[in-house]
């Protein structure tokens, strides 16, 4: 069932401006163009990774593997539809949960895909993206565009 969605013009101008000021865009006015209503073919299976289950395993990784032996202590969230060996959350997405304990840091690196980091826990940490220091607080999202050096 497809129905007409709300339009950008129908939203209050001050609300739209508040969104723009924070580099946010409402999806619903253009949803049909971005995500057509037909069902695509896919390998990706709906998958749920409860943090309550992940956290103890991530902390155990910190006990078992010192950062010097890991460089990046990450548990990859692999979708069973793609096979665990492919380490993909979807055909276009890689997801990982990284553990950095107090005093640890990850060496600077860069890669072709954009990176999005969501800070789940911790305080007092920061990362550097293209030479700019970014404080990291619980709930923050940090976008690293393709090819930029980051930690």
N, C-alpha and C. Protein backbone atom coordinates (compact mmCIF):
# COMPACT_ATOMS: atom_id res chain seq x y z
N UNK A 1 0.84 -1.18 0.00
CA UNK A 1 0.00 0.00 0.00
C UNK A 1 0.88 1.24 0.00
N UNK A 2 0.71 2.09 -0.99
CA UNK A 2 1.47 3.32 -1.09
C UNK A 2 0.52 4.49 -0.89
N UNK A 3 0.91 5.42 -0.06
CA UNK A 3 0.09 6.59 0.18
C UNK A 3 0.97 7.84 0.09
N UNK A 4 0.34 8.97 -0.04
CA UNK A 4 1.07 10.23 -0.16
C UNK A 4 1.72 10.59 1.17
N UNK A 5 2.97 10.97 1.09
CA UNK A 5 3.71 11.34 2.29
C UNK A 5 3.72 12.85 2.46
N UNK A 6 4.04 13.30 3.67
CA UNK A 6 4.14 14.73 3.94
C UNK A 6 5.18 15.40 3.06
N UNK A 7 4.96 16.68 2.78
CA UNK A 7 5.87 17.43 1.92
C UNK A 7 6.69 18.41 2.75
N UNK A 8 7.88 18.74 2.26
CA UNK A 8 8.75 19.70 2.93
C UNK A 8 8.04 21.04 3.08
N UNK A 9 7.29 21.44 2.06
CA UNK A 9 6.59 22.73 2.09
C UNK A 9 5.54 22.79 3.20
N UNK A 10 5.09 21.65 3.68
CA UNK A 10 4.06 21.62 4.71
C UNK A 10 4.63 21.82 6.12
N UNK A 11 5.94 21.76 6.25
CA UNK A 11 6.56 21.91 7.56
C UNK A 11 6.79 23.39 7.88
N UNK A 12 6.72 23.79 9.14
CA UNK A 12 6.99 25.19 9.50
C UNK A 12 8.40 25.60 9.08
N UNK A 13 8.53 26.80 8.54
CA UNK A 13 9.83 27.28 8.05
C UNK A 13 10.88 27.28 9.15
N UNK A 14 10.49 27.67 10.37
CA UNK A 14 11.49 27.71 11.44
C UNK A 14 11.98 26.31 11.80
N UNK A 15 11.11 25.30 11.68
CA UNK A 15 11.51 23.91 11.93
C UNK A 15 12.50 23.46 10.86
N UNK A 16 12.19 23.76 9.60
CA UNK A 16 13.08 23.38 8.50
C UNK A 16 14.43 24.07 8.67
N UNK A 17 14.43 25.34 9.09
CA UNK A 17 15.69 26.06 9.30
C UNK A 17 16.47 25.46 10.46
N UNK A 18 15.78 25.09 11.54
CA UNK A 18 16.46 24.44 12.67
C UNK A 18 17.14 23.14 12.22
N UNK A 19 16.46 22.39 11.36
CA UNK A 19 17.06 21.17 10.82
C UNK A 19 18.29 21.50 9.99
N UNK A 20 18.17 22.48 9.10
CA UNK A 20 19.29 22.86 8.23
C UNK A 20 20.49 23.34 9.04
N UNK A 21 20.22 24.09 10.11
CA UNK A 21 21.30 24.60 10.95
C UNK A 21 22.13 23.47 11.55
N UNK A 22 21.52 22.31 11.72
CA UNK A 22 22.22 21.14 12.27
C UNK A 22 22.56 20.11 11.20
N UNK A 23 22.45 20.54 9.91
CA UNK A 23 22.75 19.64 8.79
C UNK A 23 21.89 18.38 8.83
N UNK A 24 20.60 18.57 9.10
CA UNK A 24 19.64 17.47 9.14
C UNK A 24 18.61 17.67 8.03
N UNK A 25 18.10 16.57 7.50
CA UNK A 25 17.11 16.60 6.43
C UNK A 25 16.02 15.59 6.77
N UNK A 26 14.74 15.98 6.73
CA UNK A 26 13.68 15.00 6.97
C UNK A 26 13.59 14.04 5.79
N UNK A 27 13.51 12.76 6.06
CA UNK A 27 13.47 11.76 4.99
C UNK A 27 12.12 11.67 4.32
N UNK A 28 11.03 11.78 5.08
CA UNK A 28 9.71 11.45 4.54
C UNK A 28 9.29 12.25 3.32
N UNK A 29 9.69 13.52 3.12
CA UNK A 29 9.25 14.21 1.90
C UNK A 29 9.82 13.61 0.61
N UNK A 30 10.97 12.96 0.70
CA UNK A 30 11.58 12.40 -0.51
C UNK A 30 11.74 10.89 -0.43
N UNK A 31 11.07 10.26 0.53
CA UNK A 31 11.24 8.82 0.77
C UNK A 31 10.99 7.97 -0.46
N UNK A 32 9.94 8.24 -1.21
CA UNK A 32 9.60 7.40 -2.36
C UNK A 32 10.70 7.44 -3.44
N UNK A 33 11.39 8.57 -3.57
CA UNK A 33 12.47 8.65 -4.54
C UNK A 33 13.72 7.93 -4.08
N UNK A 34 13.97 7.93 -2.78
CA UNK A 34 15.16 7.31 -2.21
C UNK A 34 14.95 5.82 -1.97
N UNK A 35 13.79 5.48 -1.45
CA UNK A 35 13.46 4.09 -1.15
C UNK A 35 12.14 3.73 -1.82
N UNK A 36 12.19 3.31 -3.09
CA UNK A 36 10.94 2.97 -3.78
C UNK A 36 10.18 1.89 -3.02
N UNK A 37 8.84 1.91 -3.13
CA UNK A 37 8.02 0.98 -2.33
C UNK A 37 8.07 -0.48 -2.76
N UNK A 38 8.66 -0.79 -3.93
CA UNK A 38 8.73 -2.20 -4.34
C UNK A 38 9.77 -2.94 -3.48
N UNK A 39 9.71 -4.25 -3.47
CA UNK A 39 10.61 -5.04 -2.63
C UNK A 39 11.85 -5.42 -3.44
N UNK A 40 13.04 -4.96 -3.01
CA UNK A 40 14.27 -5.32 -3.73
C UNK A 40 14.71 -6.74 -3.41
N UNK A 41 15.53 -7.30 -4.28
CA UNK A 41 16.13 -8.60 -3.98
C UNK A 41 17.33 -8.33 -3.07
N UNK A 42 17.61 -9.25 -2.17
CA UNK A 42 18.68 -9.00 -1.22
C UNK A 42 19.16 -10.29 -0.58
N UNK A 43 20.38 -10.21 -0.06
CA UNK A 43 20.94 -11.28 0.77
C UNK A 43 20.85 -10.89 2.24
N UNK A 44 20.85 -9.61 2.49
CA UNK A 44 20.85 -9.12 3.87
C UNK A 44 19.60 -9.58 4.60
N UNK A 45 19.80 -10.15 5.77
CA UNK A 45 18.68 -10.60 6.60
C UNK A 45 18.46 -9.60 7.73
N UNK A 46 17.22 -9.39 8.13
CA UNK A 46 17.00 -8.56 9.31
C UNK A 46 17.76 -9.19 10.49
N UNK A 47 18.57 -8.41 11.14
CA UNK A 47 19.42 -8.94 12.20
C UNK A 47 19.45 -7.95 13.36
N UNK A 48 19.43 -8.47 14.56
CA UNK A 48 19.44 -7.65 15.77
C UNK A 48 20.66 -8.03 16.59
N UNK A 49 21.47 -7.05 16.94
CA UNK A 49 22.63 -7.26 17.79
C UNK A 49 22.38 -6.51 19.10
N UNK A 50 21.81 -7.15 20.11
CA UNK A 50 21.52 -6.43 21.35
C UNK A 50 22.82 -6.04 22.07
N UNK A 51 22.92 -4.77 22.43
CA UNK A 51 24.11 -4.28 23.12
C UNK A 51 24.32 -5.04 24.43
N UNK A 52 23.24 -5.42 25.08
CA UNK A 52 23.32 -6.18 26.33
C UNK A 52 24.11 -7.48 26.12
N UNK A 53 24.01 -8.07 24.94
CA UNK A 53 24.75 -9.30 24.62
C UNK A 53 26.16 -9.00 24.13
N UNK A 54 26.32 -7.89 23.40
CA UNK A 54 27.62 -7.55 22.83
C UNK A 54 28.62 -7.07 23.88
N UNK A 55 28.14 -6.25 24.80
CA UNK A 55 29.05 -5.60 25.76
C UNK A 55 29.94 -6.58 26.52
N UNK A 56 29.40 -7.67 27.11
CA UNK A 56 30.30 -8.58 27.83
C UNK A 56 31.37 -9.20 26.93
N UNK A 57 31.01 -9.49 25.69
CA UNK A 57 31.98 -10.08 24.76
C UNK A 57 33.04 -9.06 24.35
N UNK A 58 32.64 -7.82 24.21
CA UNK A 58 33.59 -6.75 23.88
C UNK A 58 34.55 -6.53 25.05
N UNK A 59 34.03 -6.50 26.26
CA UNK A 59 34.89 -6.34 27.44
C UNK A 59 35.83 -7.54 27.59
N UNK A 60 35.34 -8.73 27.27
CA UNK A 60 36.18 -9.93 27.33
C UNK A 60 37.32 -9.83 26.31
N UNK A 61 37.03 -9.26 25.14
CA UNK A 61 38.08 -9.04 24.14
C UNK A 61 39.18 -8.16 24.72
N UNK A 62 38.78 -7.16 25.53
CA UNK A 62 39.76 -6.30 26.18
C UNK A 62 40.64 -7.05 27.17
N UNK A 63 40.08 -8.05 27.83
CA UNK A 63 40.85 -8.88 28.77
C UNK A 63 41.78 -9.84 28.02
N UNK A 64 41.29 -10.41 26.93
CA UNK A 64 42.02 -11.45 26.21
C UNK A 64 43.08 -10.91 25.26
N UNK A 65 42.85 -9.72 24.71
CA UNK A 65 43.73 -9.21 23.67
C UNK A 65 44.16 -7.79 23.98
N UNK A 66 45.42 -7.59 24.37
CA UNK A 66 45.89 -6.22 24.59
C UNK A 66 45.86 -5.43 23.28
N UNK A 67 45.68 -4.13 23.38
CA UNK A 67 45.56 -3.29 22.18
C UNK A 67 46.79 -3.43 21.28
N UNK A 68 47.96 -3.69 21.87
CA UNK A 68 49.19 -3.86 21.07
C UNK A 68 49.10 -5.07 20.15
N UNK A 69 48.25 -6.02 20.49
CA UNK A 69 48.09 -7.23 19.67
C UNK A 69 46.90 -7.12 18.72
N UNK A 70 46.18 -6.00 18.78
CA UNK A 70 44.96 -5.89 17.98
C UNK A 70 44.98 -4.69 17.03
N UNK A 71 45.66 -3.63 17.38
CA UNK A 71 45.61 -2.35 16.68
C UNK A 71 44.21 -1.74 16.75
N UNK A 72 43.21 -2.50 16.32
CA UNK A 72 41.80 -2.09 16.47
C UNK A 72 41.05 -3.26 17.07
N UNK A 73 40.67 -3.12 18.33
CA UNK A 73 39.94 -4.19 19.01
C UNK A 73 38.46 -4.01 18.67
N UNK A 74 38.04 -4.71 17.63
CA UNK A 74 36.69 -4.53 17.07
C UNK A 74 36.02 -5.89 16.93
N UNK A 75 34.75 -5.94 17.32
CA UNK A 75 33.91 -7.09 16.99
C UNK A 75 33.04 -6.65 15.82
N UNK A 76 33.15 -7.37 14.71
CA UNK A 76 32.40 -7.03 13.49
C UNK A 76 31.00 -7.60 13.59
N UNK A 77 30.01 -6.79 13.27
CA UNK A 77 28.61 -7.22 13.26
C UNK A 77 28.32 -7.77 11.87
N UNK A 78 28.40 -9.08 11.73
CA UNK A 78 28.30 -9.74 10.43
C UNK A 78 26.89 -10.30 10.23
N UNK A 79 26.30 -9.97 9.10
CA UNK A 79 24.95 -10.42 8.78
C UNK A 79 25.00 -11.87 8.30
N UNK A 80 24.19 -12.75 8.86
CA UNK A 80 24.23 -14.15 8.46
C UNK A 80 23.85 -14.37 6.99
N UNK A 81 23.12 -13.46 6.39
CA UNK A 81 22.75 -13.60 4.99
C UNK A 81 23.93 -13.46 4.04
N UNK A 82 24.99 -12.81 4.50
CA UNK A 82 26.19 -12.64 3.68
C UNK A 82 27.29 -13.61 4.07
N UNK A 83 27.12 -14.30 5.18
CA UNK A 83 28.15 -15.20 5.68
C UNK A 83 29.08 -14.45 6.62
N UNK A 84 29.42 -15.08 7.72
CA UNK A 84 30.27 -14.43 8.72
C UNK A 84 31.64 -14.08 8.18
N UNK A 85 32.15 -14.87 7.23
CA UNK A 85 33.48 -14.62 6.69
C UNK A 85 33.56 -13.33 5.88
N UNK A 86 32.45 -12.82 5.38
CA UNK A 86 32.47 -11.59 4.57
C UNK A 86 32.45 -10.34 5.44
N UNK A 87 32.13 -10.49 6.71
CA UNK A 87 32.14 -9.36 7.66
C UNK A 87 31.34 -8.16 7.15
N UNK A 88 30.11 -8.40 6.69
CA UNK A 88 29.25 -7.33 6.19
C UNK A 88 27.96 -7.30 6.99
N UNK A 89 27.51 -6.09 7.34
CA UNK A 89 26.19 -5.95 7.96
C UNK A 89 25.13 -5.94 6.87
N UNK A 90 25.49 -5.41 5.70
CA UNK A 90 24.64 -5.43 4.51
C UNK A 90 25.57 -5.41 3.31
N UNK A 91 25.00 -5.38 2.12
CA UNK A 91 25.86 -5.38 0.92
C UNK A 91 26.67 -4.10 0.81
N UNK A 92 26.27 -3.04 1.51
CA UNK A 92 26.98 -1.77 1.40
C UNK A 92 27.45 -1.23 2.75
N UNK A 93 27.40 -2.06 3.80
CA UNK A 93 27.70 -1.53 5.13
C UNK A 93 28.53 -2.50 5.96
N UNK A 94 29.56 -1.96 6.57
CA UNK A 94 30.39 -2.67 7.53
C UNK A 94 30.11 -2.03 8.89
N UNK A 95 29.86 -2.84 9.90
CA UNK A 95 29.62 -2.32 11.25
C UNK A 95 30.53 -3.03 12.23
N UNK A 96 31.07 -2.29 13.15
CA UNK A 96 31.90 -2.89 14.17
C UNK A 96 31.74 -2.17 15.50
N UNK A 97 31.92 -2.90 16.57
CA UNK A 97 31.94 -2.32 17.91
C UNK A 97 33.39 -2.34 18.36
N UNK A 98 33.95 -1.17 18.63
CA UNK A 98 35.35 -1.05 19.00
C UNK A 98 35.46 -0.77 20.49
N UNK A 99 36.44 -1.39 21.12
CA UNK A 99 36.71 -1.14 22.53
C UNK A 99 38.06 -0.47 22.67
N UNK A 100 38.06 0.71 23.27
CA UNK A 100 39.28 1.38 23.68
C UNK A 100 39.17 1.59 25.18
N UNK A 101 40.09 1.02 25.91
CA UNK A 101 40.10 1.18 27.36
C UNK A 101 40.84 2.46 27.73
N UNK A 102 40.67 2.97 28.94
CA UNK A 102 41.36 4.20 29.34
C UNK A 102 42.85 4.13 29.05
N UNK A 103 43.37 5.18 28.43
CA UNK A 103 44.78 5.26 28.09
C UNK A 103 45.14 4.63 26.75
N UNK A 104 44.24 3.91 26.12
CA UNK A 104 44.52 3.29 24.82
C UNK A 104 44.16 4.25 23.70
N UNK A 105 44.78 4.03 22.56
CA UNK A 105 44.44 4.80 21.37
C UNK A 105 44.64 3.89 20.16
N UNK A 106 43.98 4.25 19.07
CA UNK A 106 44.11 3.50 17.82
C UNK A 106 44.95 4.34 16.86
N UNK A 107 45.88 3.71 16.15
CA UNK A 107 46.71 4.47 15.21
C UNK A 107 45.87 5.11 14.11
N UNK A 108 46.34 6.24 13.63
CA UNK A 108 45.66 6.95 12.56
C UNK A 108 45.68 6.11 11.28
N UNK A 109 44.58 6.15 10.55
CA UNK A 109 44.49 5.42 9.28
C UNK A 109 43.46 6.11 8.40
N UNK A 110 43.33 5.65 7.18
CA UNK A 110 42.30 6.16 6.27
C UNK A 110 41.86 5.04 5.35
N UNK A 111 40.70 5.23 4.72
CA UNK A 111 40.16 4.21 3.83
C UNK A 111 39.16 4.84 2.88
N UNK A 112 38.78 4.08 1.88
CA UNK A 112 37.86 4.57 0.85
C UNK A 112 36.45 4.81 1.36
N UNK A 113 35.85 3.90 2.13
CA UNK A 113 34.48 4.18 2.58
C UNK A 113 34.42 5.32 3.59
N UNK A 114 33.30 6.03 3.59
CA UNK A 114 33.03 6.97 4.67
C UNK A 114 32.89 6.16 5.95
N UNK A 115 33.15 6.79 7.07
CA UNK A 115 33.00 6.12 8.36
C UNK A 115 32.06 6.93 9.24
N UNK A 116 31.17 6.24 9.91
CA UNK A 116 30.27 6.86 10.88
C UNK A 116 30.52 6.18 12.21
N UNK A 117 30.82 6.97 13.22
CA UNK A 117 31.04 6.40 14.54
C UNK A 117 30.00 6.95 15.50
N UNK A 118 29.38 6.05 16.24
CA UNK A 118 28.45 6.45 17.29
C UNK A 118 29.07 6.07 18.62
N UNK A 119 29.16 7.03 19.50
CA UNK A 119 29.77 6.80 20.80
C UNK A 119 28.70 6.20 21.72
N UNK A 120 28.95 4.98 22.19
CA UNK A 120 27.98 4.26 23.00
C UNK A 120 28.23 4.49 24.49
N UNK A 121 29.49 4.44 24.90
CA UNK A 121 29.84 4.61 26.30
C UNK A 121 31.17 5.32 26.40
N UNK A 122 31.46 5.84 27.59
CA UNK A 122 32.76 6.43 27.86
C UNK A 122 32.69 7.93 28.04
N UNK A 123 33.80 8.47 28.52
CA UNK A 123 33.89 9.91 28.71
C UNK A 123 35.35 10.32 28.66
N UNK A 124 35.58 11.58 28.32
CA UNK A 124 36.93 12.12 28.30
C UNK A 124 37.75 11.73 27.09
N UNK A 125 37.16 11.08 26.12
CA UNK A 125 37.91 10.64 24.94
C UNK A 125 37.72 11.63 23.79
N UNK A 126 38.61 11.54 22.82
CA UNK A 126 38.48 12.33 21.61
C UNK A 126 39.10 11.55 20.47
N UNK A 127 38.79 11.96 19.27
CA UNK A 127 39.43 11.42 18.08
C UNK A 127 39.91 12.60 17.26
N UNK A 128 40.77 12.35 16.32
CA UNK A 128 41.23 13.39 15.42
C UNK A 128 40.83 12.98 14.01
N UNK A 129 40.15 13.88 13.31
CA UNK A 129 39.73 13.64 11.93
C UNK A 129 40.33 14.74 11.07
N UNK A 130 41.20 14.36 10.15
CA UNK A 130 41.86 15.31 9.25
C UNK A 130 42.52 16.44 10.04
N UNK A 131 43.15 16.09 11.16
CA UNK A 131 43.86 17.06 11.97
C UNK A 131 43.00 17.83 12.96
N UNK A 132 41.69 17.63 12.93
CA UNK A 132 40.79 18.35 13.83
C UNK A 132 40.38 17.45 15.00
N UNK A 133 40.59 17.97 16.21
CA UNK A 133 40.24 17.21 17.42
C UNK A 133 38.73 17.23 17.61
N UNK A 134 38.13 16.04 17.76
CA UNK A 134 36.69 15.91 17.97
C UNK A 134 36.45 15.23 19.31
N UNK A 135 35.94 15.96 20.30
CA UNK A 135 35.58 15.31 21.56
C UNK A 135 34.50 14.26 21.31
N UNK A 136 34.54 13.18 22.07
CA UNK A 136 33.56 12.11 21.91
C UNK A 136 32.77 11.96 23.21
N UNK A 137 31.47 12.15 23.12
CA UNK A 137 30.58 12.01 24.26
C UNK A 137 29.50 10.99 23.91
N UNK A 138 28.97 10.34 24.93
CA UNK A 138 27.94 9.33 24.73
C UNK A 138 26.81 9.89 23.85
N UNK A 139 26.45 9.11 22.82
CA UNK A 139 25.38 9.50 21.91
C UNK A 139 25.83 10.30 20.70
N UNK A 140 27.09 10.77 20.69
CA UNK A 140 27.59 11.54 19.55
C UNK A 140 27.76 10.67 18.32
N UNK A 141 27.58 11.28 17.16
CA UNK A 141 27.90 10.66 15.87
C UNK A 141 29.03 11.46 15.25
N UNK A 142 30.03 10.78 14.74
CA UNK A 142 31.16 11.44 14.08
C UNK A 142 31.26 10.86 12.68
N UNK A 143 31.18 11.73 11.68
CA UNK A 143 31.30 11.32 10.28
C UNK A 143 32.71 11.62 9.80
N UNK A 144 33.34 10.62 9.22
CA UNK A 144 34.65 10.79 8.61
C UNK A 144 34.51 10.54 7.12
N UNK A 145 34.63 11.60 6.30
CA UNK A 145 34.52 11.42 4.85
C UNK A 145 35.65 10.55 4.30
N UNK A 146 35.40 9.97 3.17
CA UNK A 146 36.34 9.09 2.51
C UNK A 146 37.74 9.70 2.39
N UNK A 147 38.74 8.88 2.67
CA UNK A 147 40.12 9.27 2.45
C UNK A 147 40.76 10.14 3.52
N UNK A 148 40.01 10.57 4.53
CA UNK A 148 40.60 11.44 5.56
C UNK A 148 41.26 10.60 6.65
N UNK A 149 42.41 11.08 7.11
CA UNK A 149 43.09 10.41 8.21
C UNK A 149 42.28 10.58 9.48
N UNK A 150 42.16 9.51 10.23
CA UNK A 150 41.44 9.55 11.51
C UNK A 150 41.96 8.44 12.41
N UNK A 151 41.66 8.59 13.69
CA UNK A 151 42.13 7.61 14.68
C UNK A 151 41.04 6.61 15.00
